[in-house]
Every structure is written in C-alpha cells, then in structure tokens.
C-alpha cells in the first residue's frame, strides 16, 4: 500500500513542479514584462519559454540529491 501511494506522490509532485508552477511563472513574467512598454521585443520574452526545461532540470537534480541522502 505504501508503494502505491509513493508513485502517486511522485506523479503529483512532477505535475505540480513540472507544469503548474512553470505555467504560472510564465504567465506572471509575460504580464510583468509587457506592462507599460509600447514595443515588446520577442527576444525579451524568449527566456520565459525556457522555464520548463530549467524547472525540469532543477527537479531532476533535487530528486537525485534527495534520493542519495535518503539511501
């Protein structure tokens, strides 16, 4: 029973940190960057699309580090 809940916890954490938080941060960052600017350069907003790979990389590193400490 613990093992069944364990993978559900990993799935919820992956969805939360892999999709929900990056989507919210992209939305807020685009709104902040375009506020009070008459011309918005596309390269200014390009880094917001790279949040997903960065969050995924940080999440994988955290998972590996925590797994090492737990074992």
PDB file of N, CA and C in Angstrom:
ATOM      1  N   UNK A   1       0.820  -1.198   0.000  1.00  0.00           N
ATOM      2  CA  UNK A   1       0.000   0.000   0.000  1.00  0.00           C
ATOM      3  C   UNK A   1       0.862   1.261   0.000  1.00  0.00           C
ATOM      4  N   UNK A   2       1.977   1.235   0.690  1.00  0.00           N
ATOM      5  CA  UNK A   2       2.862   2.392   0.718  1.00  0.00           C
ATOM      6  C   UNK A   2       3.474   2.628  -0.665  1.00  0.00           C
ATOM      7  N   UNK A   3       3.821   1.558  -1.349  1.00  0.00           N
ATOM      8  CA  UNK A   3       4.420   1.707  -2.680  1.00  0.00           C
ATOM      9  C   UNK A   3       3.428   2.311  -3.675  1.00  0.00           C
ATOM     10  N   UNK A   4       2.164   1.950  -3.562  1.00  0.00           N
ATOM     11  CA  UNK A   4       1.163   2.516  -4.455  1.00  0.00           C
ATOM     12  C   UNK A   4       1.023   4.016  -4.227  1.00  0.00           C
ATOM     13  N   UNK A   5       1.030   4.433  -3.005  1.00  0.00           N
ATOM     14  CA  UNK A   5       0.938   5.869  -2.702  1.00  0.00           C
ATOM     15  C   UNK A   5       2.220   6.597  -3.083  1.00  0.00           C
ATOM     16  N   UNK A   6       3.327   5.918  -3.040  1.00  0.00           N
ATOM     17  CA  UNK A   6       4.604   6.538  -3.339  1.00  0.00           C
ATOM     18  C   UNK A   6       4.656   7.029  -4.789  1.00  0.00           C
ATOM     19  N   UNK A   7       4.209   6.234  -5.742  1.00  0.00           N
ATOM     20  CA  UNK A   7       4.257   6.675  -7.131  1.00  0.00           C
ATOM     21  C   UNK A   7       3.235   7.760  -7.401  1.00  0.00           C
ATOM     22  N   UNK A   8       2.130   7.748  -6.672  1.00  0.00           N
ATOM     23  CA  UNK A   8       1.138   8.817  -6.813  1.00  0.00           C
ATOM     24  C   UNK A   8       1.719  10.141  -6.323  1.00  0.00           C
ATOM     25  N   UNK A   9       2.450  10.092  -5.232  1.00  0.00           N
ATOM     26  CA  UNK A   9       3.108  11.297  -4.721  1.00  0.00           C
ATOM     27  C   UNK A   9       4.120  11.835  -5.726  1.00  0.00           C
ATOM     28  N   UNK A  10       4.893  10.955  -6.337  1.00  0.00           N
ATOM     29  CA  UNK A  10       5.857  11.382  -7.361  1.00  0.00           C
ATOM     30  C   UNK A  10       5.146  11.997  -8.564  1.00  0.00           C
ATOM     31  N   UNK A  11       4.042  11.411  -8.963  1.00  0.00           N
ATOM     32  CA  UNK A  11       3.291  11.936 -10.099  1.00  0.00           C
ATOM     33  C   UNK A  11       2.726  13.320  -9.798  1.00  0.00           C
ATOM     34  N   UNK A  12       2.166  13.487  -8.617  1.00  0.00           N
ATOM     35  CA  UNK A  12       1.618  14.788  -8.231  1.00  0.00           C
ATOM     36  C   UNK A  12       2.731  15.830  -8.145  1.00  0.00           C
ATOM     37  N   UNK A  13       3.857  15.470  -7.559  1.00  0.00           N
ATOM     38  CA  UNK A  13       4.986  16.403  -7.461  1.00  0.00           C
ATOM     39  C   UNK A  13       5.506  16.766  -8.841  1.00  0.00           C
ATOM     40  N   UNK A  14       5.598  15.781  -9.741  1.00  0.00           N
ATOM     41  CA  UNK A  14       6.070  16.066 -11.102  1.00  0.00           C
ATOM     42  C   UNK A  14       5.118  17.004 -11.825  1.00  0.00           C
ATOM     43  N   UNK A  15       3.830  16.746 -11.725  1.00  0.00           N
ATOM     44  CA  UNK A  15       2.861  17.615 -12.390  1.00  0.00           C
ATOM     45  C   UNK A  15       2.872  19.020 -11.810  1.00  0.00           C
ATOM     46  N   UNK A  16       2.990  19.107 -10.493  1.00  0.00           N
ATOM     47  CA  UNK A  16       2.978  20.419  -9.848  1.00  0.00           C
ATOM     48  C   UNK A  16       4.231  21.218 -10.197  1.00  0.00           C
ATOM     49  N   UNK A  17       5.404  20.612 -10.013  1.00  0.00           N
ATOM     50  CA  UNK A  17       6.653  21.331 -10.264  1.00  0.00           C
ATOM     51  C   UNK A  17       7.060  21.337 -11.730  1.00  0.00           C
ATOM     52  N   UNK A  18       6.509  20.431 -12.519  1.00  0.00           N
ATOM     53  CA  UNK A  18       6.877  20.366 -13.921  1.00  0.00           C
ATOM     54  C   UNK A  18       5.978  21.158 -14.841  1.00  0.00           C
ATOM     55  N   UNK A  19       4.730  21.372 -14.433  1.00  0.00           N
ATOM     56  CA  UNK A  19       3.807  22.068 -15.320  1.00  0.00           C
ATOM     57  C   UNK A  19       3.081  23.242 -14.673  1.00  0.00           C
ATOM     58  N   UNK A  20       2.557  23.065 -13.477  1.00  0.00           N
ATOM     59  CA  UNK A  20       1.722  24.102 -12.864  1.00  0.00           C
ATOM     60  C   UNK A  20       2.550  25.332 -12.504  1.00  0.00           C
ATOM     61  N   UNK A  21       3.599  25.151 -11.745  1.00  0.00           N
ATOM     62  CA  UNK A  21       4.413  26.300 -11.330  1.00  0.00           C
ATOM     63  C   UNK A  21       5.069  27.001 -12.526  1.00  0.00           C
ATOM     64  N   UNK A  22       5.665  26.273 -13.492  1.00  0.00           N
ATOM     65  CA  UNK A  22       6.218  26.990 -14.649  1.00  0.00           C
ATOM     66  C   UNK A  22       5.167  27.742 -15.462  1.00  0.00           C
ATOM     67  N   UNK A  23       3.981  27.167 -15.617  1.00  0.00           N
ATOM     68  CA  UNK A  23       2.940  27.888 -16.355  1.00  0.00           C
ATOM     69  C   UNK A  23       2.537  29.173 -15.644  1.00  0.00           C
ATOM     70  N   UNK A  24       2.393  29.103 -14.347  1.00  0.00           N
ATOM     71  CA  UNK A  24       2.060  30.313 -13.589  1.00  0.00           C
ATOM     72  C   UNK A  24       3.176  31.344 -13.661  1.00  0.00           C
ATOM     73  N   UNK A  25       4.415  30.894 -13.562  1.00  0.00           N
ATOM     74  CA  UNK A  25       5.523  31.838 -13.603  1.00  0.00           C
ATOM     75  C   UNK A  25       5.664  32.468 -14.980  1.00  0.00           C
ATOM     76  N   UNK A  26       5.412  31.708 -16.043  1.00  0.00           N
ATOM     77  CA  UNK A  26       5.464  32.270 -17.393  1.00  0.00           C
ATOM     78  C   UNK A  26       4.382  33.320 -17.563  1.00  0.00           C
ATOM     79  N   UNK A  27       3.202  33.027 -17.088  1.00  0.00           N
ATOM     80  CA  UNK A  27       2.094  33.980 -17.219  1.00  0.00           C
ATOM     81  C   UNK A  27       2.400  35.291 -16.489  1.00  0.00           C
ATOM     82  N   UNK A  28       2.886  35.191 -15.260  1.00  0.00           N
ATOM     83  CA  UNK A  28       3.204  36.398 -14.499  1.00  0.00           C
ATOM     84  C   UNK A  28       4.372  37.161 -15.105  1.00  0.00           C
ATOM     85  N   UNK A  29       5.366  36.453 -15.604  1.00  0.00           N
ATOM     86  CA  UNK A  29       6.538  37.119 -16.166  1.00  0.00           C
ATOM     87  C   UNK A  29       6.202  37.833 -17.469  1.00  0.00           C
ATOM     88  N   UNK A  30       5.388  37.231 -18.301  1.00  0.00           N
ATOM     89  CA  UNK A  30       4.989  37.893 -19.546  1.00  0.00           C
ATOM     90  C   UNK A  30       4.156  39.131 -19.241  1.00  0.00           C
ATOM     91  N   UNK A  31       3.257  39.014 -18.282  1.00  0.00           N
ATOM     92  CA  UNK A  31       2.447  40.171 -17.900  1.00  0.00           C
ATOM     93  C   UNK A  31       3.321  41.288 -17.339  1.00  0.00           C
ATOM     94  N   UNK A  32       4.299  40.935 -16.548  1.00  0.00           N
ATOM     95  CA  UNK A  32       5.198  41.929 -15.962  1.00  0.00           C
ATOM     96  C   UNK A  32       6.088  42.571 -17.021  1.00  0.00           C
ATOM     97  N   UNK A  33       6.572  41.784 -17.980  1.00  0.00           N
ATOM     98  CA  UNK A  33       7.485  42.308 -18.994  1.00  0.00           C
ATOM     99  C   UNK A  33       6.777  43.200 -20.008  1.00  0.00           C
ATOM    100  N   UNK A  34       5.514  42.932 -20.272  1.00  0.00           N
ATOM    101  CA  UNK A  34       4.801  43.728 -21.279  1.00  0.00           C
ATOM    102  C   UNK A  34       4.073  44.927 -20.692  1.00  0.00           C
ATOM    103  N   UNK A  35       4.052  45.039 -19.392  1.00  0.00           N
ATOM    104  CA  UNK A  35       3.344  46.145 -18.752  1.00  0.00           C
ATOM    105  C   UNK A  35       4.119  47.444 -18.963  1.00  0.00           C
ATOM    106  N   UNK A  36       3.410  48.485 -19.395  1.00  0.00           N
ATOM    107  CA  UNK A  36       3.964  49.834 -19.577  1.00  0.00           C
ATOM    108  C   UNK A  36       5.082  49.889 -20.612  1.00  0.00           C
ATOM    109  N   UNK A  37       5.067  49.020 -21.601  1.00  0.00           N
ATOM    110  CA  UNK A  37       6.047  49.078 -22.680  1.00  0.00           C
ATOM    111  C   UNK A  37       5.308  49.119 -24.009  1.00  0.00           C
ATOM    112  N   UNK A  38       5.557  50.157 -24.806  1.00  0.00           N
ATOM    113  CA  UNK A  38       4.831  50.257 -26.078  1.00  0.00           C
ATOM    114  C   UNK A  38       5.284  49.196 -27.094  1.00  0.00           C
ATOM    115  N   UNK A  39       6.572  48.875 -27.108  1.00  0.00           N
ATOM    116  CA  UNK A  39       7.100  47.875 -28.043  1.00  0.00           C
ATOM    117  C   UNK A  39       7.725  46.754 -27.229  1.00  0.00           C
ATOM    118  N   UNK A  40       7.286  45.539 -27.502  1.00  0.00           N
ATOM    119  CA  UNK A  40       7.806  44.376 -26.796  1.00  0.00           C
ATOM    120  C   UNK A  40       8.589  43.532 -27.787  1.00  0.00           C
ATOM    121  N   UNK A  41       9.867  43.353 -27.501  1.00  0.00           N
ATOM    122  CA  UNK A  41      10.716  42.538 -28.348  1.00  0.00           C
ATOM    123  C   UNK A  41      10.477  41.063 -28.029  1.00  0.00           C
ATOM    124  N   UNK A  42      10.427  40.231 -29.051  1.00  0.00           N
ATOM    125  CA  UNK A  42      10.183  38.814 -28.829  1.00  0.00           C
ATOM    126  C   UNK A  42      11.319  38.139 -28.073  1.00  0.00           C
ATOM    127  N   UNK A  43      12.542  38.629 -28.240  1.00  0.00           N
ATOM    128  CA  UNK A  43      13.661  38.036 -27.516  1.00  0.00           C
ATOM    129  C   UNK A  43      13.593  38.338 -26.023  1.00  0.00           C
ATOM    130  N   UNK A  44      12.883  39.394 -25.664  1.00  0.00           N
ATOM    131  CA  UNK A  44      12.680  39.696 -24.251  1.00  0.00           C
ATOM    132  C   UNK A  44      11.851  38.605 -23.584  1.00  0.00           C
ATOM    133  N   UNK A  45      10.904  38.067 -24.299  1.00  0.00           N
ATOM    134  CA  UNK A  45      10.020  37.049 -23.753  1.00  0.00           C
ATOM    135  C   UNK A  45      10.496  35.627 -24.036  1.00  0.00           C
ATOM    136  N   UNK A  46      11.550  35.474 -24.804  1.00  0.00           N
ATOM    137  CA  UNK A  46      12.010  34.137 -25.188  1.00  0.00           C
ATOM    138  C   UNK A  46      12.460  33.316 -23.989  1.00  0.00           C
ATOM    139  N   UNK A  47      13.066  33.960 -23.010  1.00  0.00           N
ATOM    140  CA  UNK A  47      13.555  33.217 -21.853  1.00  0.00           C
ATOM    141  C   UNK A  47      12.422  32.615 -21.027  1.00  0.00           C
ATOM    142  N   UNK A  48      11.220  33.169 -21.162  1.00  0.00           N
ATOM    143  CA  UNK A  48      10.107  32.601 -20.398  1.00  0.00           C
ATOM    144  C   UNK A  48       9.750  31.199 -20.886  1.00  0.00           C
ATOM    145  N   UNK A  49      10.001  30.923 -22.154  1.00  0.00           N
ATOM    146  CA  UNK A  49       9.697  29.589 -22.677  1.00  0.00           C
ATOM    147  C   UNK A  49      10.728  28.554 -22.247  1.00  0.00           C
ATOM    148  N   UNK A  50      11.885  29.007 -21.796  1.00  0.00           N
ATOM    149  CA  UNK A  50      12.909  28.077 -21.325  1.00  0.00           C
ATOM    150  C   UNK A  50      12.748  27.754 -19.842  1.00  0.00           C
ATOM    151  N   UNK A  51      11.686  28.228 -19.237  1.00  0.00           N
ATOM    152  CA  UNK A  51      11.454  27.899 -17.828  1.00  0.00           C
ATOM    153  C   UNK A  51      11.139  26.425 -17.642  1.00  0.00           C
ATOM    154  N   UNK A  52      10.433  25.837 -18.579  1.00  0.00           N
ATOM    155  CA  UNK A  52      10.106  24.421 -18.443  1.00  0.00           C
ATOM    156  C   UNK A  52      11.352  23.550 -18.367  1.00  0.00           C
ATOM    157  N   UNK A  53      12.286  23.636 -19.296  1.00  0.00           N
ATOM    158  CA  UNK A  53      13.490  22.804 -19.171  1.00  0.00           C
ATOM    159  C   UNK A  53      14.303  23.116 -17.925  1.00  0.00           C
ATOM    160  N   UNK A  54      14.347  24.364 -17.515  1.00  0.00           N
ATOM    161  CA  UNK A  54      15.111  24.714 -16.313  1.00  0.00           C
ATOM    162  C   UNK A  54      14.456  24.115 -15.076  1.00  0.00           C
ATOM    163  N   UNK A  55      13.131  24.233 -14.958  1.00  0.00           N
ATOM    164  CA  UNK A  55      12.432  23.641 -13.815  1.00  0.00           C
ATOM    165  C   UNK A  55      12.579  22.132 -13.820  1.00  0.00           C
ATOM    166  N   UNK A  56      12.518  21.504 -14.999  1.00  0.00           N
ATOM    167  CA  UNK A  56      12.674  20.059 -15.073  1.00  0.00           C
ATOM    168  C   UNK A  56      14.071  19.642 -14.643  1.00  0.00           C
ATOM    169  N   UNK A  57      15.083  20.393 -15.074  1.00  0.00           N
ATOM    170  CA  UNK A  57      16.457  20.079 -14.701  1.00  0.00           C
ATOM    171  C   UNK A  57      16.658  20.223 -13.195  1.00  0.00           C
ATOM    172  N   UNK A  58      16.150  21.297 -12.618  1.00  0.00           N
ATOM    173  CA  UNK A  58      16.264  21.505 -11.175  1.00  0.00           C
ATOM    174  C   UNK A  58      15.513  20.416 -10.417  1.00  0.00           C
ATOM    175  N   UNK A  59      14.346  20.037 -10.890  1.00  0.00           N
ATOM    176  CA  UNK A  59      13.579  18.976 -10.249  1.00  0.00           C
ATOM    177  C   UNK A  59      14.292  17.636 -10.282  1.00  0.00           C
ATOM    178  N   UNK A  60      14.917  17.313 -11.405  1.00  0.00           N
ATOM    179  CA  UNK A  60      15.664  16.058 -11.504  1.00  0.00           C
ATOM    180  C   UNK A  60      16.863  16.081 -10.571  1.00  0.00           C
ATOM    181  N   UNK A  61      17.556  17.214 -10.506  1.00  0.00           N
ATOM    182  CA  UNK A  61      18.693  17.328  -9.580  1.00  0.00           C
ATOM    183  C   UNK A  61      18.251  17.172  -8.133  1.00  0.00           C
ATOM    184  N   UNK A  62      17.155  17.802  -7.770  1.00  0.00           N
ATOM    185  CA  UNK A  62      16.653  17.673  -6.408  1.00  0.00           C
ATOM    186  C   UNK A  62      16.257  16.241  -6.098  1.00  0.00           C
ATOM    187  N   UNK A  63      15.610  15.585  -7.047  1.00  0.00           N
ATOM    188  CA  UNK A  63      15.220  14.194  -6.855  1.00  0.00           C
ATOM    189  C   UNK A  63      16.445  13.308  -6.636  1.00  0.00           C
ATOM    190  N   UNK A  64      17.460  13.500  -7.444  1.00  0.00           N
ATOM    191  CA  UNK A  64      18.671  12.679  -7.308  1.00  0.00           C
ATOM    192  C   UNK A  64      19.397  12.946  -5.992  1.00  0.00           C
ATOM    193  N   UNK A  65      19.480  14.208  -5.599  1.00  0.00           N
ATOM    194  CA  UNK A  65      20.156  14.551  -4.341  1.00  0.00           C
ATOM    195  C   UNK A  65      19.386  13.994  -3.149  1.00  0.00           C
ATOM    196  N   UNK A  66      18.067  14.169  -3.148  1.00  0.00           N
ATOM    197  CA  UNK A  66      17.263  13.642  -2.046  1.00  0.00           C
ATOM    198  C   UNK A  66      17.305  12.120  -2.001  1.00  0.00           C
ATOM    199  N   UNK A  67      17.313  11.499  -3.153  1.00  0.00           N
ATOM    200  CA  UNK A  67      17.388  10.038  -3.190  1.00  0.00           C
ATOM    201  C   UNK A  67      18.707   9.541  -2.621  1.00  0.00           C
ATOM    202  N   UNK A  68      19.776  10.292  -2.899  1.00  0.00           N
ATOM    203  CA  UNK A  68      21.094   9.923  -2.384  1.00  0.00           C
ATOM    204  C   UNK A  68      21.124  10.049  -0.853  1.00  0.00           C
ATOM    205  N   UNK A  69      20.560  11.140  -0.341  1.00  0.00           N
ATOM    206  CA  UNK A  69      20.557  11.348   1.114  1.00  0.00           C
ATOM    207  C   UNK A  69      19.654  10.353   1.833  1.00  0.00           C
ATOM    208  N   UNK A  70      18.529   9.996   1.209  1.00  0.00           N
ATOM    209  CA  UNK A  70      17.613   9.045   1.842  1.00  0.00           C
ATOM    210  C   UNK A  70      18.221   7.657   1.906  1.00  0.00           C
ATOM    211  N   UNK A  71      18.906   7.262   0.820  1.00  0.00           N
ATOM    212  CA  UNK A  71      19.518   5.933   0.810  1.00  0.00           C
ATOM    213  C   UNK A  71      20.795   5.990   1.592  1.00  0.00           C
TER     214      UNK A  71
END
